[in-house]
Amino acid sequence: MASMQSITNAAGMSGLLSIVVTLLSITFAWYIIQEIKMDSFVKRPKSPQARMLQLLLSVVLGHGFARFILDYMDWTRMLRWLVE
């Protein structure tokens, strides 16, 4: 039974790590997107619609970046099986 508890703890920690990395990546993307001059893309860059566009872009880019980071972490963990 201790083995099952260990597996559920590892799964829980993995899920928590995924949530934290994803939220940090979305925040990072939001911070970066704020520096983009939106005047050339939208008519009114301060409108609620333009802000919603920035938010959606942040979520899409942040999620993609987080998936890359999490996949890379998984791949590096799998490398240890090469030497064992």
PDB file of N, CA and C in Angstrom:
ATOM      1  N   MET A   1       0.816  -1.195   0.000  1.00  0.00           N
ATOM      2  CA  MET A   1       0.000   0.000   0.000  1.00  0.00           C
ATOM      3  C   MET A   1       0.867   1.270   0.000  1.00  0.00           C
ATOM      4  N   ALA A   2       2.059   1.178   0.571  1.00  0.00           N
ATOM      5  CA  ALA A   2       2.947   2.341   0.588  1.00  0.00           C
ATOM      6  C   ALA A   2       3.359   2.730  -0.824  1.00  0.00           C
ATOM      7  N   SER A   3       3.471   1.725  -1.696  1.00  0.00           N
ATOM      8  CA  SER A   3       3.825   2.002  -3.088  1.00  0.00           C
ATOM      9  C   SER A   3       2.733   2.809  -3.787  1.00  0.00           C
ATOM     10  N   MET A   4       1.467   2.463  -3.507  1.00  0.00           N
ATOM     11  CA  MET A   4       0.342   3.182  -4.101  1.00  0.00           C
ATOM     12  C   MET A   4       0.314   4.633  -3.613  1.00  0.00           C
ATOM     13  N   GLN A   5       0.606   4.832  -2.331  1.00  0.00           N
ATOM     14  CA  GLN A   5       0.653   6.185  -1.769  1.00  0.00           C
ATOM     15  C   GLN A   5       1.769   6.992  -2.432  1.00  0.00           C
ATOM     16  N   SER A   6       2.890   6.346  -2.678  1.00  0.00           N
ATOM     17  CA  SER A   6       4.013   7.012  -3.339  1.00  0.00           C
ATOM     18  C   SER A   6       3.644   7.433  -4.759  1.00  0.00           C
ATOM     19  N   ILE A   7       2.924   6.571  -5.454  1.00  0.00           N
ATOM     20  CA  ILE A   7       2.521   6.882  -6.829  1.00  0.00           C
ATOM     21  C   ILE A   7       1.535   8.050  -6.849  1.00  0.00           C
ATOM     22  N   THR A   8       0.571   8.043  -5.932  1.00  0.00           N
ATOM     23  CA  THR A   8      -0.400   9.143  -5.903  1.00  0.00           C
ATOM     24  C   THR A   8       0.259  10.456  -5.492  1.00  0.00           C
ATOM     25  N   ASN A   9       1.239  10.394  -4.596  1.00  0.00           N
ATOM     26  CA  ASN A   9       1.972  11.610  -4.227  1.00  0.00           C
ATOM     27  C   ASN A   9       2.756  12.160  -5.406  1.00  0.00           C
ATOM     28  N   ALA A  10       3.391  11.267  -6.159  1.00  0.00           N
ATOM     29  CA  ALA A  10       4.157  11.705  -7.327  1.00  0.00           C
ATOM     30  C   ALA A  10       3.238  12.318  -8.379  1.00  0.00           C
ATOM     31  N   ALA A  11       2.070  11.705  -8.575  1.00  0.00           N
ATOM     32  CA  ALA A  11       1.114  12.249  -9.544  1.00  0.00           C
ATOM     33  C   ALA A  11       0.600  13.612  -9.093  1.00  0.00           C
ATOM     34  N   GLY A  12       0.352  13.748  -7.798  1.00  0.00           N
ATOM     35  CA  GLY A  12      -0.104  15.032  -7.269  1.00  0.00           C
ATOM     36  C   GLY A  12       0.946  16.121  -7.414  1.00  0.00           C
ATOM     37  N   MET A  13       2.187  15.792  -7.139  1.00  0.00           N
ATOM     38  CA  MET A  13       3.267  16.769  -7.284  1.00  0.00           C
ATOM     39  C   MET A  13       3.466  17.145  -8.747  1.00  0.00           C
ATOM     40  N   SER A  14       3.327  16.173  -9.629  1.00  0.00           N
ATOM     41  CA  SER A  14       3.453  16.449 -11.061  1.00  0.00           C
ATOM     42  C   SER A  14       2.345  17.392 -11.522  1.00  0.00           C
ATOM     43  N   GLY A  15       1.136  17.157 -11.048  1.00  0.00           N
ATOM     44  CA  GLY A  15       0.021  18.034 -11.394  1.00  0.00           C
ATOM     45  C   GLY A  15       0.222  19.440 -10.868  1.00  0.00           C
ATOM     46  N   LEU A  16       0.694  19.550  -9.629  1.00  0.00           N
ATOM     47  CA  LEU A  16       0.953  20.862  -9.032  1.00  0.00           C
ATOM     48  C   LEU A  16       2.048  21.595  -9.793  1.00  0.00           C
ATOM     49  N   LEU A  17       3.096  20.882 -10.166  1.00  0.00           N
ATOM     50  CA  LEU A  17       4.174  21.491 -10.949  1.00  0.00           C
ATOM     51  C   LEU A  17       3.650  21.989 -12.288  1.00  0.00           C
ATOM     52  N   SER A  18       2.796  21.206 -12.926  1.00  0.00           N
ATOM     53  CA  SER A  18       2.227  21.612 -14.212  1.00  0.00           C
ATOM     54  C   SER A  18       1.391  22.879 -14.083  1.00  0.00           C
ATOM     55  N   ILE A  19       0.588  22.962 -13.030  1.00  0.00           N
ATOM     56  CA  ILE A  19      -0.236  24.155 -12.809  1.00  0.00           C
ATOM     57  C   ILE A  19       0.637  25.380 -12.586  1.00  0.00           C
ATOM     58  N   VAL A  20       1.648  25.246 -11.744  1.00  0.00           N
ATOM     59  CA  VAL A  20       2.515  26.390 -11.426  1.00  0.00           C
ATOM     60  C   VAL A  20       3.278  26.851 -12.663  1.00  0.00           C
ATOM     61  N   VAL A  21       3.855  25.912 -13.402  1.00  0.00           N
ATOM     62  CA  VAL A  21       4.622  26.278 -14.604  1.00  0.00           C
ATOM     63  C   VAL A  21       3.712  26.934 -15.637  1.00  0.00           C
ATOM     64  N   THR A  22       2.502  26.409 -15.814  1.00  0.00           N
ATOM     65  CA  THR A  22       1.573  26.982 -16.782  1.00  0.00           C
ATOM     66  C   THR A  22       1.157  28.391 -16.386  1.00  0.00           C
ATOM     67  N   LEU A  23       0.816  28.596 -15.127  1.00  0.00           N
ATOM     68  CA  LEU A  23       0.419  29.941 -14.685  1.00  0.00           C
ATOM     69  C   LEU A  23       1.569  30.935 -14.793  1.00  0.00           C
ATOM     70  N   LEU A  24       2.768  30.514 -14.437  1.00  0.00           N
ATOM     71  CA  LEU A  24       3.930  31.404 -14.569  1.00  0.00           C
ATOM     72  C   LEU A  24       4.212  31.723 -16.041  1.00  0.00           C
ATOM     73  N   SER A  25       4.045  30.749 -16.914  1.00  0.00           N
ATOM     74  CA  SER A  25       4.268  30.978 -18.345  1.00  0.00           C
ATOM     75  C   SER A  25       3.236  31.937 -18.932  1.00  0.00           C
ATOM     76  N   ILE A  26       1.988  31.800 -18.517  1.00  0.00           N
ATOM     77  CA  ILE A  26       0.950  32.717 -18.989  1.00  0.00           C
ATOM     78  C   ILE A  26       1.227  34.126 -18.485  1.00  0.00           C
ATOM     79  N   THR A  27       1.648  34.236 -17.235  1.00  0.00           N
ATOM     80  CA  THR A  27       1.998  35.548 -16.679  1.00  0.00           C
ATOM     81  C   THR A  27       3.173  36.162 -17.434  1.00  0.00           C
ATOM     82  N   PHE A  28       4.168  35.350 -17.729  1.00  0.00           N
ATOM     83  CA  PHE A  28       5.323  35.812 -18.491  1.00  0.00           C
ATOM     84  C   PHE A  28       4.904  36.282 -19.882  1.00  0.00           C
ATOM     85  N   ALA A  29       4.036  35.512 -20.544  1.00  0.00           N
ATOM     86  CA  ALA A  29       3.552  35.895 -21.875  1.00  0.00           C
ATOM     87  C   ALA A  29       2.757  37.193 -21.808  1.00  0.00           C
ATOM     88  N   TRP A  30       1.933  37.366 -20.780  1.00  0.00           N
ATOM     89  CA  TRP A  30       1.164  38.612 -20.605  1.00  0.00           C
ATOM     90  C   TRP A  30       2.116  39.801 -20.467  1.00  0.00           C
ATOM     91  N   TYR A  31       3.159  39.614 -19.656  1.00  0.00           N
ATOM     92  CA  TYR A  31       4.153  40.670 -19.445  1.00  0.00           C
ATOM     93  C   TYR A  31       4.828  41.051 -20.769  1.00  0.00           C
ATOM     94  N   ILE A  32       5.175  40.058 -21.572  1.00  0.00           N
ATOM     95  CA  ILE A  32       5.835  40.308 -22.853  1.00  0.00           C
ATOM     96  C   ILE A  32       4.874  40.976 -23.834  1.00  0.00           C
ATOM     97  N   ILE A  33       3.641  40.511 -23.895  1.00  0.00           N
ATOM     98  CA  ILE A  33       2.667  41.056 -24.846  1.00  0.00           C
ATOM     99  C   ILE A  33       2.330  42.509 -24.530  1.00  0.00           C
ATOM    100  N   GLN A  34       2.460  42.917 -23.289  1.00  0.00           N
ATOM    101  CA  GLN A  34       2.195  44.307 -22.926  1.00  0.00           C
ATOM    102  C   GLN A  34       3.157  45.272 -23.629  1.00  0.00           C
ATOM    103  N   GLU A  35       4.314  44.777 -24.024  1.00  0.00           N
ATOM    104  CA  GLU A  35       5.306  45.616 -24.685  1.00  0.00           C
ATOM    105  C   GLU A  35       5.085  45.751 -26.186  1.00  0.00           C
ATOM    106  N   ILE A  36       4.171  44.968 -26.736  1.00  0.00           N
ATOM    107  CA  ILE A  36       3.895  45.033 -28.172  1.00  0.00           C
ATOM    108  C   ILE A  36       2.997  46.229 -28.461  1.00  0.00           C
ATOM    109  N   LYS A  37       3.366  46.996 -29.458  1.00  0.00           N
ATOM    110  CA  LYS A  37       2.562  48.150 -29.856  1.00  0.00           C
ATOM    111  C   LYS A  37       1.357  47.642 -30.629  1.00  0.00           C
ATOM    112  N   MET A  38       0.185  47.716 -30.010  1.00  0.00           N
ATOM    113  CA  MET A  38      -1.035  47.147 -30.588  1.00  0.00           C
ATOM    114  C   MET A  38      -1.711  48.081 -31.598  1.00  0.00           C
ATOM    115  N   ASP A  39      -1.221  49.314 -31.756  1.00  0.00           N
ATOM    116  CA  ASP A  39      -1.836  50.273 -32.660  1.00  0.00           C
ATOM    117  C   ASP A  39      -1.891  49.769 -34.096  1.00  0.00           C
ATOM    118  N   SER A  40      -0.898  48.992 -34.481  1.00  0.00           N
ATOM    119  CA  SER A  40      -0.864  48.525 -35.867  1.00  0.00           C
ATOM    120  C   SER A  40      -1.749  47.292 -36.098  1.00  0.00           C
ATOM    121  N   PHE A  41      -2.260  46.688 -35.036  1.00  0.00           N
ATOM    122  CA  PHE A  41      -3.091  45.491 -35.166  1.00  0.00           C
ATOM    123  C   PHE A  41      -4.574  45.750 -34.939  1.00  0.00           C
ATOM    124  N   VAL A  42      -4.885  46.667 -34.027  1.00  0.00           N
ATOM    125  CA  VAL A  42      -6.287  46.937 -33.692  1.00  0.00           C
ATOM    126  C   VAL A  42      -6.555  48.438 -33.769  1.00  0.00           C
ATOM    127  N   LYS A  43      -7.821  48.792 -33.973  1.00  0.00           N
ATOM    128  CA  LYS A  43      -8.173  50.210 -34.102  1.00  0.00           C
ATOM    129  C   LYS A  43      -8.009  50.948 -32.786  1.00  0.00           C
ATOM    130  N   ARG A  44      -8.531  50.363 -31.716  1.00  0.00           N
ATOM    131  CA  ARG A  44      -8.456  51.000 -30.393  1.00  0.00           C
ATOM    132  C   ARG A  44      -7.720  50.068 -29.434  1.00  0.00           C
ATOM    133  N   PRO A  45      -6.441  50.290 -29.220  1.00  0.00           N
ATOM    134  CA  PRO A  45      -5.638  49.356 -28.417  1.00  0.00           C
ATOM    135  C   PRO A  45      -6.008  49.318 -26.933  1.00  0.00           C
ATOM    136  N   LYS A  46      -6.722  50.296 -26.439  1.00  0.00           N
ATOM    137  CA  LYS A  46      -7.105  50.318 -25.017  1.00  0.00           C
ATOM    138  C   LYS A  46      -8.527  49.804 -24.793  1.00  0.00           C
ATOM    139  N   SER A  47      -9.198  49.361 -25.833  1.00  0.00           N
ATOM    140  CA  SER A  47     -10.580  48.902 -25.707  1.00  0.00           C
ATOM    141  C   SER A  47     -10.619  47.531 -25.012  1.00  0.00           C
ATOM    142  N   PRO A  48     -11.782  47.181 -24.469  1.00  0.00           N
ATOM    143  CA  PRO A  48     -11.904  45.861 -23.824  1.00  0.00           C
ATOM    144  C   PRO A  48     -11.645  44.702 -24.797  1.00  0.00           C
ATOM    145  N   GLN A  49     -12.038  44.876 -26.046  1.00  0.00           N
ATOM    146  CA  GLN A  49     -11.800  43.822 -27.026  1.00  0.00           C
ATOM    147  C   GLN A  49     -10.297  43.617 -27.269  1.00  0.00           C
ATOM    148  N   ALA A  50      -9.551  44.706 -27.333  1.00  0.00           N
ATOM    149  CA  ALA A  50      -8.107  44.599 -27.528  1.00  0.00           C
ATOM    150  C   ALA A  50      -7.452  43.948 -26.313  1.00  0.00           C
ATOM    151  N   ARG A  51      -7.933  44.274 -25.120  1.00  0.00           N
ATOM    152  CA  ARG A  51      -7.404  43.651 -23.896  1.00  0.00           C
ATOM    153  C   ARG A  51      -7.730  42.161 -23.875  1.00  0.00           C
ATOM    154  N   MET A  52      -8.917  41.795 -24.335  1.00  0.00           N
ATOM    155  CA  MET A  52      -9.291  40.385 -24.392  1.00  0.00           C
ATOM    156  C   MET A  52      -8.413  39.638 -25.389  1.00  0.00           C
ATOM    157  N   LEU A  53      -8.106  40.287 -26.511  1.00  0.00           N
ATOM    158  CA  LEU A  53      -7.191  39.697 -27.481  1.00  0.00           C
ATOM    159  C   LEU A  53      -5.825  39.459 -26.848  1.00  0.00           C
ATOM    160  N   GLN A  54      -5.325  40.433 -26.091  1.00  0.00           N
ATOM    161  CA  GLN A  54      -4.047  40.272 -25.411  1.00  0.00           C
ATOM    162  C   GLN A  54      -4.096  39.117 -24.416  1.00  0.00           C
ATOM    163  N   LEU A  55      -5.197  39.017 -23.699  1.00  0.00           N
ATOM    164  CA  LEU A  55      -5.343  37.931 -22.731  1.00  0.00           C
ATOM    165  C   LEU A  55      -5.357  36.570 -23.423  1.00  0.00           C
ATOM    166  N   LEU A  56      -6.128  36.455 -24.503  1.00  0.00           N
ATOM    167  CA  LEU A  56      -6.187  35.187 -25.233  1.00  0.00           C
ATOM    168  C   LEU A  56      -4.828  34.824 -25.838  1.00  0.00           C
ATOM    169  N   LEU A  57      -4.135  35.811 -26.386  1.00  0.00           N
ATOM    170  CA  LEU A  57      -2.795  35.552 -26.912  1.00  0.00           C
ATOM    171  C   LEU A  57      -1.844  35.104 -25.813  1.00  0.00           C
ATOM    172  N   SER A  58      -1.978  35.711 -24.647  1.00  0.00           N
ATOM    173  CA  SER A  58      -1.136  35.333 -23.512  1.00  0.00           C
ATOM    174  C   SER A  58      -1.383  33.893 -23.096  1.00  0.00           C
ATOM    175  N   VAL A  59      -2.652  33.502 -23.051  1.00  0.00           N
ATOM    176  CA  VAL A  59      -2.982  32.129 -22.663  1.00  0.00           C
ATOM    177  C   VAL A  59      -2.446  31.136 -23.695  1.00  0.00           C
ATOM    178  N   VAL A  60      -2.639  31.432 -24.968  1.00  0.00           N
ATOM    179  CA  VAL A  60      -2.181  30.519 -26.022  1.00  0.00           C
ATOM    180  C   VAL A  60      -0.660  30.409 -26.018  1.00  0.00           C
ATOM    181  N   LEU A  61       0.025  31.535 -26.004  1.00  0.00           N
ATOM    182  CA  LEU A  61       1.488  31.501 -26.021  1.00  0.00           C
ATOM    183  C   LEU A  61       2.060  30.936 -24.720  1.00  0.00           C
ATOM    184  N   GLY A  62       1.473  31.327 -23.597  1.00  0.00           N
ATOM    185  CA  GLY A  62       1.940  30.824 -22.309  1.00  0.00           C
ATOM    186  C   GLY A  62       1.750  29.329 -22.178  1.00  0.00           C
ATOM    187  N   HIS A  63       0.619  28.829 -22.636  1.00  0.00           N
ATOM    188  CA  HIS A  63       0.372  27.391 -22.576  1.00  0.00           C
ATOM    189  C   HIS A  63       1.347  26.629 -23.478  1.00  0.00           C
ATOM    190  N   GLY A  64       1.591  27.153 -24.650  1.00  0.00           N
ATOM    191  CA  GLY A  64       2.559  26.517 -25.547  1.00  0.00           C
ATOM    192  C   GLY A  64       3.956  26.488 -24.956  1.00  0.00           C
ATOM    193  N   PHE A  65       4.356  27.586 -24.347  1.00  0.00           N
ATOM    194  CA  PHE A  65       5.673  27.656 -23.712  1.00  0.00           C
ATOM    195  C   PHE A  65       5.746  26.698 -22.524  1.00  0.00           C
ATOM    196  N   ALA A  66       4.675  26.639 -21.727  1.00  0.00           N
ATOM    197  CA  ALA A  66       4.643  25.736 -20.574  1.00  0.00           C
ATOM    198  C   ALA A  66       4.707  24.278 -21.032  1.00  0.00           C
ATOM    199  N   ARG A  67       3.992  23.937 -22.108  1.00  0.00           N
ATOM    200  CA  ARG A  67       4.038  22.558 -22.625  1.00  0.00           C
ATOM    201  C   ARG A  67       5.461  22.203 -23.037  1.00  0.00           C
ATOM    202  N   PHE A  68       6.148  23.151 -23.668  1.00  0.00           N
ATOM    203  CA  PHE A  68       7.531  22.901 -24.062  1.00  0.00           C
ATOM    204  C   PHE A  68       8.403  22.639 -22.834  1.00  0.00           C
ATOM    205  N   ILE A  69       8.290  23.489 -21.824  1.00  0.00           N
ATOM    206  CA  ILE A  69       9.094  23.343 -20.602  1.00  0.00           C
ATOM    207  C   ILE A  69       8.780  22.015 -19.916  1.00  0.00           C
ATOM    208  N   LEU A  70       7.497  21.689 -19.771  1.00  0.00           N
ATOM    209  CA  LEU A  70       7.113  20.450 -19.087  1.00  0.00           C
ATOM    210  C   LEU A  70       7.527  19.221 -19.885  1.00  0.00           C
ATOM    211  N   ASP A  71       7.371  19.271 -21.203  1.00  0.00           N
ATOM    212  CA  ASP A  71       7.825  18.154 -22.033  1.00  0.00           C
ATOM    213  C   ASP A  71       9.334  17.985 -21.932  1.00  0.00           C
ATOM    214  N   TYR A  72      10.059  19.081 -21.942  1.00  0.00           N
ATOM    215  CA  TYR A  72      11.516  19.022 -21.830  1.00  0.00           C
ATOM    216  C   TYR A  72      11.931  18.406 -20.497  1.00  0.00           C
ATOM    217  N   MET A  73      11.240  18.787 -19.433  1.00  0.00           N
ATOM    218  CA  MET A  73      11.533  18.204 -18.122  1.00  0.00           C
ATOM    219  C   MET A  73      11.263  16.700 -18.128  1.00  0.00           C
ATOM    220  N   ASP A  74      10.178  16.280 -18.736  1.00  0.00           N
ATOM    221  CA  ASP A  74       9.868  14.846 -18.832  1.00  0.00           C
ATOM    222  C   ASP A  74      10.924  14.109 -19.648  1.00  0.00           C
ATOM    223  N   TRP A  75      11.340  14.701 -20.752  1.00  0.00           N
ATOM    224  CA  TRP A  75      12.344  14.057 -21.590  1.00  0.00           C
ATOM    225  C   TRP A  75      13.664  13.895 -20.844  1.00  0.00           C
ATOM    226  N   THR A  76      14.046  14.922 -20.078  1.00  0.00           N
ATOM    227  CA  THR A  76      15.306  14.796 -19.336  1.00  0.00           C
ATOM    228  C   THR A  76      15.187  13.757 -18.228  1.00  0.00           C
ATOM    229  N   ARG A  77      14.013  13.604 -17.632  1.00  0.00           N
ATOM    230  CA  ARG A  77      13.819  12.550 -16.636  1.00  0.00           C
ATOM    231  C   ARG A  77      13.904  11.170 -17.268  1.00  0.00           C
ATOM    232  N   MET A  78      13.446  11.045 -18.507  1.00  0.00           N
ATOM    233  CA  MET A  78      13.494   9.751 -19.190  1.00  0.00           C
ATOM    234  C   MET A  78      14.913   9.361 -19.581  1.00  0.00           C
ATOM    235  N   LEU A  79      15.797  10.338 -19.709  1.00  0.00           N
ATOM    236  CA  LEU A  79      17.181  10.023 -20.100  1.00  0.00           C
ATOM    237  C   LEU A  79      17.887   9.160 -19.084  1.00  0.00           C
ATOM    238  N   ARG A  80      17.490   9.224 -17.847  1.00  0.00           N
ATOM    239  CA  ARG A  80      18.168   8.428 -16.827  1.00  0.00           C
ATOM    240  C   ARG A  80      17.983   6.936 -17.073  1.00  0.00           C
ATOM    241  N   TRP A  81      16.932   6.559 -17.798  1.00  0.00           N
ATOM    242  CA  TRP A  81      16.709   5.162 -18.096  1.00  0.00           C
ATOM    243  C   TRP A  81      17.717   4.637 -19.111  1.00  0.00           C
ATOM    244  N   LEU A  82      18.411   5.534 -19.809  1.00  0.00           N
ATOM    245  CA  LEU A  82      19.449   5.105 -20.745  1.00  0.00           C
ATOM    246  C   LEU A  82      20.675   4.558 -20.032  1.00  0.00           C
ATOM    247  N   VAL A  83      20.977   5.129 -18.874  1.00  0.00           N
ATOM    248  CA  VAL A  83      22.211   4.732 -18.170  1.00  0.00           C
ATOM    249  C   VAL A  83      21.968   3.678 -17.106  1.00  0.00           C
ATOM    250  N   GLU A  84      20.745   3.406 -16.787  1.00  0.00           N
ATOM    251  CA  GLU A  84      20.485   2.390 -15.766  1.00  0.00           C
ATOM    252  C   GLU A  84      20.384   1.016 -16.363  1.00  0.00           C
TER     253      GLU A  84
END
